[in-house]
Amino acid sequence: LALRERLQALRAGSDARVGFELCDGQVVAGV
């Protein structure tokens, strides 16, 4: 199971809120 597939499952399932912490420490959150 790849990360992309998990994100696709989240996208297909609901309006899941996801927080992405990026390699420089910045955090971007959204639906």
PDB file of all heavy atoms in Angstrom:
ATOM      1  N   LEU A   1       0.834  -1.200   0.000  1.00  0.00           N
ATOM      2  CA  LEU A   1       0.000   0.000   0.000  1.00  0.00           C
ATOM      3  C   LEU A   1       0.875   1.260   0.000  1.00  0.00           C
ATOM      4  O   LEU A   1       1.643   1.496   0.925  1.00  0.00           O
ATOM      5  CB  LEU A   1      -0.917  -0.010   1.231  1.00  0.00           C
ATOM      6  CG  LEU A   1      -2.010   1.027   1.297  1.00  0.00           C
ATOM      7  CD1 LEU A   1      -2.996   0.862   0.151  1.00  0.00           C
ATOM      8  CD2 LEU A   1      -2.737   0.942   2.633  1.00  0.00           C
ATOM      9  N   ALA A   2       0.769   2.050  -1.054  1.00  0.00           N
ATOM     10  CA  ALA A   2       1.576   3.270  -1.196  1.00  0.00           C
ATOM     11  C   ALA A   2       0.851   4.472  -0.588  1.00  0.00           C
ATOM     12  O   ALA A   2      -0.373   4.467  -0.439  1.00  0.00           O
ATOM     13  CB  ALA A   2       1.857   3.529  -2.680  1.00  0.00           C
ATOM     14  N   LEU A   3       1.615   5.501  -0.257  1.00  0.00           N
ATOM     15  CA  LEU A   3       1.054   6.731   0.303  1.00  0.00           C
ATOM     16  C   LEU A   3      -0.008   7.307  -0.626  1.00  0.00           C
ATOM     17  O   LEU A   3      -1.079   7.735  -0.189  1.00  0.00           O
ATOM     18  CB  LEU A   3       2.170   7.749   0.547  1.00  0.00           C
ATOM     19  CG  LEU A   3       1.725   9.133   1.018  1.00  0.00           C
ATOM     20  CD1 LEU A   3       1.010   9.046   2.361  1.00  0.00           C
ATOM     21  CD2 LEU A   3       2.919  10.071   1.113  1.00  0.00           C
ATOM     22  N   ARG A   4       0.270   7.322  -1.898  1.00  0.00           N
ATOM     23  CA  ARG A   4      -0.677   7.861  -2.878  1.00  0.00           C
ATOM     24  C   ARG A   4      -2.018   7.132  -2.801  1.00  0.00           C
ATOM     25  O   ARG A   4      -3.077   7.734  -2.859  1.00  0.00           O
ATOM     26  CB  ARG A   4      -0.071   7.735  -4.268  1.00  0.00           C
ATOM     27  CG  ARG A   4      -0.981   8.158  -5.383  1.00  0.00           C
ATOM     28  CD  ARG A   4      -0.235   8.025  -6.722  1.00  0.00           C
ATOM     29  NE  ARG A   4      -1.124   8.308  -7.796  1.00  0.00           N
ATOM     30  CZ  ARG A   4      -1.628   7.383  -8.601  1.00  0.00           C
ATOM     31  NH1 ARG A   4      -1.317   6.127  -8.444  1.00  0.00           N
ATOM     32  NH2 ARG A   4      -2.441   7.719  -9.566  1.00  0.00           N
ATOM     33  N   GLU A   5      -1.983   5.803  -2.645  1.00  0.00           N
ATOM     34  CA  GLU A   5      -3.217   5.022  -2.550  1.00  0.00           C
ATOM     35  C   GLU A   5      -3.986   5.346  -1.281  1.00  0.00           C
ATOM     36  O   GLU A   5      -5.219   5.404  -1.288  1.00  0.00           O
ATOM     37  CB  GLU A   5      -2.897   3.527  -2.618  1.00  0.00           C
ATOM     38  CG  GLU A   5      -2.374   3.096  -3.975  1.00  0.00           C
ATOM     39  CD  GLU A   5      -1.799   1.695  -3.975  1.00  0.00           C
ATOM     40  OE1 GLU A   5      -1.268   1.254  -2.928  1.00  0.00           O
ATOM     41  OE2 GLU A   5      -1.875   1.042  -5.024  1.00  0.00           O
ATOM     42  N   ARG A   6      -3.257   5.591  -0.197  1.00  0.00           N
ATOM     43  CA  ARG A   6      -3.943   5.976   1.047  1.00  0.00           C
ATOM     44  C   ARG A   6      -4.607   7.338   0.883  1.00  0.00           C
ATOM     45  O   ARG A   6      -5.729   7.555   1.344  1.00  0.00           O
ATOM     46  CB  ARG A   6      -2.959   5.998   2.214  1.00  0.00           C
ATOM     47  CG  ARG A   6      -2.510   4.615   2.622  1.00  0.00           C
ATOM     48  CD  ARG A   6      -1.658   4.647   3.843  1.00  0.00           C
ATOM     49  NE  ARG A   6      -2.479   4.823   5.033  1.00  0.00           N
ATOM     50  CZ  ARG A   6      -1.998   4.785   6.265  1.00  0.00           C
ATOM     51  NH1 ARG A   6      -0.711   4.585   6.465  1.00  0.00           N
ATOM     52  NH2 ARG A   6      -2.786   4.939   7.299  1.00  0.00           N
ATOM     53  N   LEU A   7      -3.917   8.255   0.213  1.00  0.00           N
ATOM     54  CA  LEU A   7      -4.512   9.574  -0.020  1.00  0.00           C
ATOM     55  C   LEU A   7      -5.728   9.468  -0.937  1.00  0.00           C
ATOM     56  O   LEU A   7      -6.735  10.149  -0.726  1.00  0.00           O
ATOM     57  CB  LEU A   7      -3.473  10.527  -0.614  1.00  0.00           C
ATOM     58  CG  LEU A   7      -2.359  10.955   0.341  1.00  0.00           C
ATOM     59  CD1 LEU A   7      -1.294  11.748  -0.410  1.00  0.00           C
ATOM     60  CD2 LEU A   7      -2.903  11.763   1.510  1.00  0.00           C
ATOM     61  N   GLN A   8      -5.665   8.596  -1.941  1.00  0.00           N
ATOM     62  CA  GLN A   8      -6.821   8.394  -2.826  1.00  0.00           C
ATOM     63  C   GLN A   8      -8.003   7.830  -2.041  1.00  0.00           C
ATOM     64  O   GLN A   8      -9.150   8.216  -2.264  1.00  0.00           O
ATOM     65  CB  GLN A   8      -6.464   7.466  -3.982  1.00  0.00           C
ATOM     66  CG  GLN A   8      -5.600   8.116  -5.024  1.00  0.00           C
ATOM     67  CD  GLN A   8      -5.132   7.139  -6.088  1.00  0.00           C
ATOM     68  OE1 GLN A   8      -4.973   5.952  -5.831  1.00  0.00           O
ATOM     69  NE2 GLN A   8      -4.923   7.645  -7.286  1.00  0.00           N
ATOM     70  N   ALA A   9      -7.719   6.920  -1.103  1.00  0.00           N
ATOM     71  CA  ALA A   9      -8.789   6.363  -0.272  1.00  0.00           C
ATOM     72  C   ALA A   9      -9.399   7.454   0.610  1.00  0.00           C
ATOM     73  O   ALA A   9     -10.617   7.509   0.787  1.00  0.00           O
ATOM     74  CB  ALA A   9      -8.248   5.224   0.588  1.00  0.00           C
ATOM     75  N   LEU A  10      -8.566   8.330   1.149  1.00  0.00           N
ATOM     76  CA  LEU A  10      -9.075   9.455   1.940  1.00  0.00           C
ATOM     77  C   LEU A  10      -9.937  10.372   1.090  1.00  0.00           C
ATOM     78  O   LEU A  10     -11.004  10.813   1.505  1.00  0.00           O
ATOM     79  CB  LEU A  10      -7.918  10.263   2.539  1.00  0.00           C
ATOM     80  CG  LEU A  10      -7.198   9.653   3.719  1.00  0.00           C
ATOM     81  CD1 LEU A  10      -5.934  10.429   4.021  1.00  0.00           C
ATOM     82  CD2 LEU A  10      -8.103   9.629   4.935  1.00  0.00           C
ATOM     83  N   ARG A  11      -9.463  10.653  -0.097  1.00  0.00           N
ATOM     84  CA  ARG A  11     -10.189  11.533  -1.018  1.00  0.00           C
ATOM     85  C   ARG A  11     -11.536  10.922  -1.394  1.00  0.00           C
ATOM     86  O   ARG A  11     -12.549  11.599  -1.448  1.00  0.00           O
ATOM     87  CB  ARG A  11      -9.330  11.779  -2.261  1.00  0.00           C
ATOM     88  CG  ARG A  11     -10.014  12.340  -3.463  1.00  0.00           C
ATOM     89  CD  ARG A  11     -10.458  13.783  -3.238  1.00  0.00           C
ATOM     90  NE  ARG A  11     -11.166  14.265  -4.390  1.00  0.00           N
ATOM     91  CZ  ARG A  11     -12.498  14.297  -4.510  1.00  0.00           C
ATOM     92  NH1 ARG A  11     -13.263  13.850  -3.565  1.00  0.00           N
ATOM     93  NH2 ARG A  11     -13.054  14.782  -5.593  1.00  0.00           N
ATOM     94  N   ALA A  12     -11.556   9.617  -1.647  1.00  0.00           N
ATOM     95  CA  ALA A  12     -12.784   8.940  -2.060  1.00  0.00           C
ATOM     96  C   ALA A  12     -13.757   8.768  -0.901  1.00  0.00           C
ATOM     97  O   ALA A  12     -14.964   8.745  -1.105  1.00  0.00           O
ATOM     98  CB  ALA A  12     -12.453   7.576  -2.657  1.00  0.00           C
ATOM     99  N   GLY A  13     -13.235   8.657   0.308  1.00  0.00           N
ATOM    100  CA  GLY A  13     -14.079   8.334   1.453  1.00  0.00           C
ATOM    101  C   GLY A  13     -14.874   9.472   2.036  1.00  0.00           C
ATOM    102  O   GLY A  13     -16.045   9.330   2.350  1.00  0.00           O
ATOM    103  N   SER A  14     -14.268  10.635   2.182  1.00  0.00           N
ATOM    104  CA  SER A  14     -14.967  11.728   2.868  1.00  0.00           C
ATOM    105  C   SER A  14     -14.208  13.022   2.660  1.00  0.00           C
ATOM    106  O   SER A  14     -13.256  13.086   1.901  1.00  0.00           O
ATOM    107  CB  SER A  14     -15.046  11.418   4.364  1.00  0.00           C
ATOM    108  OG  SER A  14     -13.743  11.412   4.925  1.00  0.00           O
ATOM    109  N   ASP A  15     -14.646  14.040   3.370  1.00  0.00           N
ATOM    110  CA  ASP A  15     -13.938  15.322   3.361  1.00  0.00           C
ATOM    111  C   ASP A  15     -12.887  15.315   4.470  1.00  0.00           C
ATOM    112  O   ASP A  15     -12.969  16.075   5.431  1.00  0.00           O
ATOM    113  CB  ASP A  15     -14.923  16.483   3.574  1.00  0.00           C
ATOM    114  CG  ASP A  15     -15.835  16.675   2.380  1.00  0.00           C
ATOM    115  OD1 ASP A  15     -15.459  16.234   1.285  1.00  0.00           O
ATOM    116  OD2 ASP A  15     -16.907  17.272   2.550  1.00  0.00           O
ATOM    117  N   ALA A  16     -11.921  14.437   4.326  1.00  0.00           N
ATOM    118  CA  ALA A  16     -10.894  14.276   5.347  1.00  0.00           C
ATOM    119  C   ALA A  16      -9.962  15.478   5.366  1.00  0.00           C
ATOM    120  O   ALA A  16      -9.487  15.927   4.335  1.00  0.00           O
ATOM    121  CB  ALA A  16     -10.095  13.009   5.086  1.00  0.00           C
ATOM    122  N   ARG A  17      -9.705  15.979   6.547  1.00  0.00           N
ATOM    123  CA  ARG A  17      -8.737  17.052   6.714  1.00  0.00           C
ATOM    124  C   ARG A  17      -7.360  16.413   6.906  1.00  0.00           C
ATOM    125  O   ARG A  17      -7.200  15.510   7.722  1.00  0.00           O
ATOM    126  CB  ARG A  17      -9.101  17.911   7.923  1.00  0.00           C
ATOM    127  CG  ARG A  17      -8.122  19.039   8.103  1.00  0.00           C
ATOM    128  CD  ARG A  17      -8.478  19.921   9.254  1.00  0.00           C
ATOM    129  NE  ARG A  17      -7.358  20.809   9.511  1.00  0.00           N
ATOM    130  CZ  ARG A  17      -7.446  21.916  10.196  1.00  0.00           C
ATOM    131  NH1 ARG A  17      -8.589  22.284  10.707  1.00  0.00           N
ATOM    132  NH2 ARG A  17      -6.389  22.667  10.386  1.00  0.00           N
ATOM    133  N   VAL A  18      -6.405  16.893   6.128  1.00  0.00           N
ATOM    134  CA  VAL A  18      -5.049  16.355   6.165  1.00  0.00           C
ATOM    135  C   VAL A  18      -4.081  17.494   6.420  1.00  0.00           C
ATOM    136  O   VAL A  18      -4.200  18.567   5.829  1.00  0.00           O
ATOM    137  CB  VAL A  18      -4.698  15.674   4.821  1.00  0.00           C
ATOM    138  CG1 VAL A  18      -3.295  15.121   4.841  1.00  0.00           C
ATOM    139  CG2 VAL A  18      -5.688  14.578   4.494  1.00  0.00           C
ATOM    140  N   GLY A  19      -3.118  17.269   7.299  1.00  0.00           N
ATOM    141  CA  GLY A  19      -2.039  18.217   7.526  1.00  0.00           C
ATOM    142  C   GLY A  19      -0.765  17.648   6.925  1.00  0.00           C
ATOM    143  O   GLY A  19      -0.365  16.539   7.261  1.00  0.00           O
ATOM    144  N   PHE A  20      -0.175  18.384   6.007  1.00  0.00           N
ATOM    145  CA  PHE A  20       1.087  17.964   5.388  1.00  0.00           C
ATOM    146  C   PHE A  20       2.210  18.749   6.045  1.00  0.00           C
ATOM    147  O   PHE A  20       2.260  19.968   5.919  1.00  0.00           O
ATOM    148  CB  PHE A  20       1.096  18.274   3.887  1.00  0.00           C
ATOM    149  CG  PHE A  20       0.168  17.433   3.072  1.00  0.00           C
ATOM    150  CD1 PHE A  20      -1.104  17.873   2.760  1.00  0.00           C
ATOM    151  CD2 PHE A  20       0.573  16.189   2.591  1.00  0.00           C
ATOM    152  CE1 PHE A  20      -1.954  17.104   1.992  1.00  0.00           C
ATOM    153  CE2 PHE A  20      -0.274  15.416   1.817  1.00  0.00           C
ATOM    154  CZ  PHE A  20      -1.541  15.878   1.528  1.00  0.00           C
ATOM    155  N   GLU A  21       3.108  18.060   6.747  1.00  0.00           N
ATOM    156  CA  GLU A  21       4.323  18.715   7.225  1.00  0.00           C
ATOM    157  C   GLU A  21       5.367  18.464   6.155  1.00  0.00           C
ATOM    158  O   GLU A  21       5.645  17.322   5.786  1.00  0.00           O
ATOM    159  CB  GLU A  21       4.798  18.161   8.559  1.00  0.00           C
ATOM    160  CG  GLU A  21       6.043  18.886   9.044  1.00  0.00           C
ATOM    161  CD  GLU A  21       6.564  18.355  10.364  1.00  0.00           C
ATOM    162  OE1 GLU A  21       5.877  17.595  11.038  1.00  0.00           O
ATOM    163  OE2 GLU A  21       7.710  18.719  10.700  1.00  0.00           O
ATOM    164  N   LEU A  22       5.941  19.551   5.652  1.00  0.00           N
ATOM    165  CA  LEU A  22       6.868  19.442   4.527  1.00  0.00           C
ATOM    166  C   LEU A  22       8.304  19.343   5.021  1.00  0.00           C
ATOM    167  O   LEU A  22       8.596  19.554   6.199  1.00  0.00           O
ATOM    168  CB  LEU A  22       6.660  20.630   3.602  1.00  0.00           C
ATOM    169  CG  LEU A  22       5.207  20.690   3.092  1.00  0.00           C
ATOM    170  CD1 LEU A  22       4.922  22.007   2.432  1.00  0.00           C
ATOM    171  CD2 LEU A  22       4.921  19.546   2.167  1.00  0.00           C
ATOM    172  N   CYS A  23       9.209  19.024   4.108  1.00  0.00           N
ATOM    173  CA  CYS A  23      10.604  18.772   4.468  1.00  0.00           C
ATOM    174  C   CYS A  23      11.286  19.970   5.120  1.00  0.00           C
ATOM    175  O   CYS A  23      12.256  19.806   5.836  1.00  0.00           O
ATOM    176  CB  CYS A  23      11.382  18.298   3.254  1.00  0.00           C
ATOM    177  SG  CYS A  23      11.275  19.404   1.842  1.00  0.00           S
ATOM    178  N   ASP A  24      10.763  21.194   4.903  1.00  0.00           N
ATOM    179  CA  ASP A  24      11.362  22.367   5.542  1.00  0.00           C
ATOM    180  C   ASP A  24      10.680  22.721   6.865  1.00  0.00           C
ATOM    181  O   ASP A  24      10.967  23.757   7.457  1.00  0.00           O
ATOM    182  CB  ASP A  24      11.328  23.572   4.591  1.00  0.00           C
ATOM    183  CG  ASP A  24       9.921  24.007   4.231  1.00  0.00           C
ATOM    184  OD1 ASP A  24       8.951  23.342   4.654  1.00  0.00           O
ATOM    185  OD2 ASP A  24       9.781  25.022   3.524  1.00  0.00           O
ATOM    186  N   GLY A  25       9.754  21.880   7.340  1.00  0.00           N
ATOM    187  CA  GLY A  25       9.077  22.104   8.606  1.00  0.00           C
ATOM    188  C   GLY A  25       7.764  22.864   8.495  1.00  0.00           C
ATOM    189  O   GLY A  25       7.031  22.971   9.470  1.00  0.00           O
ATOM    190  N   GLN A  26       7.450  23.386   7.332  1.00  0.00           N
ATOM    191  CA  GLN A  26       6.208  24.111   7.132  1.00  0.00           C
ATOM    192  C   GLN A  26       5.035  23.130   7.130  1.00  0.00           C
ATOM    193  O   GLN A  26       5.161  22.006   6.649  1.00  0.00           O
ATOM    194  CB  GLN A  26       6.257  24.848   5.793  1.00  0.00           C
ATOM    195  CG  GLN A  26       5.623  26.190   5.837  1.00  0.00           C
ATOM    196  CD  GLN A  26       5.933  26.985   4.579  1.00  0.00           C
ATOM    197  OE1 GLN A  26       6.602  26.531   3.658  1.00  0.00           O
ATOM    198  NE2 GLN A  26       5.430  28.193   4.543  1.00  0.00           N
ATOM    199  N   VAL A  27       3.883  23.546   7.680  1.00  0.00           N
ATOM    200  CA  VAL A  27       2.699  22.698   7.714  1.00  0.00           C
ATOM    201  C   VAL A  27       1.594  23.363   6.917  1.00  0.00           C
ATOM    202  O   VAL A  27       1.309  24.545   7.091  1.00  0.00           O
ATOM    203  CB  VAL A  27       2.223  22.454   9.167  1.00  0.00           C
ATOM    204  CG1 VAL A  27       0.940  21.640   9.181  1.00  0.00           C
ATOM    205  CG2 VAL A  27       3.310  21.759   9.969  1.00  0.00           C
ATOM    206  N   VAL A  28       0.993  22.589   6.010  1.00  0.00           N
ATOM    207  CA  VAL A  28      -0.129  23.057   5.201  1.00  0.00           C
ATOM    208  C   VAL A  28      -1.281  22.093   5.464  1.00  0.00           C
ATOM    209  O   VAL A  28      -1.125  20.887   5.309  1.00  0.00           O
ATOM    210  CB  VAL A  28       0.216  23.055   3.704  1.00  0.00           C
ATOM    211  CG1 VAL A  28      -0.924  23.605   2.886  1.00  0.00           C
ATOM    212  CG2 VAL A  28       1.492  23.846   3.438  1.00  0.00           C
ATOM    213  N   ALA A  29      -2.427  22.624   5.890  1.00  0.00           N
ATOM    214  CA  ALA A  29      -3.575  21.769   6.214  1.00  0.00           C
ATOM    215  C   ALA A  29      -4.755  22.125   5.337  1.00  0.00           C
ATOM    216  O   ALA A  29      -4.942  23.286   4.962  1.00  0.00           O
ATOM    217  CB  ALA A  29      -3.939  21.929   7.680  1.00  0.00           C
ATOM    218  N   GLY A  30      -5.546  21.117   5.021  1.00  0.00           N
ATOM    219  CA  GLY A  30      -6.728  21.365   4.212  1.00  0.00           C
ATOM    220  C   GLY A  30      -7.533  20.115   3.986  1.00  0.00           C
ATOM    221  O   GLY A  30      -7.229  19.042   4.510  1.00  0.00           O
ATOM    222  N   VAL A  31      -8.578  20.267   3.192  1.00  0.00           N
ATOM    223  CA  VAL A  31      -9.435  19.156   2.808  1.00  0.00           C
ATOM    224  C   VAL A  31      -8.993  18.692   1.420  1.00  0.00           C
ATOM    225  O   VAL A  31      -8.931  19.499   0.486  1.00  0.00           O
ATOM    226  CB  VAL A  31     -10.917  19.585   2.794  1.00  0.00           C
ATOM    227  CG1 VAL A  31     -11.803  18.459   2.290  1.00  0.00           C
ATOM    228  CG2 VAL A  31     -11.350  20.045   4.179  1.00  0.00           C
TER     229      VAL A  31
END
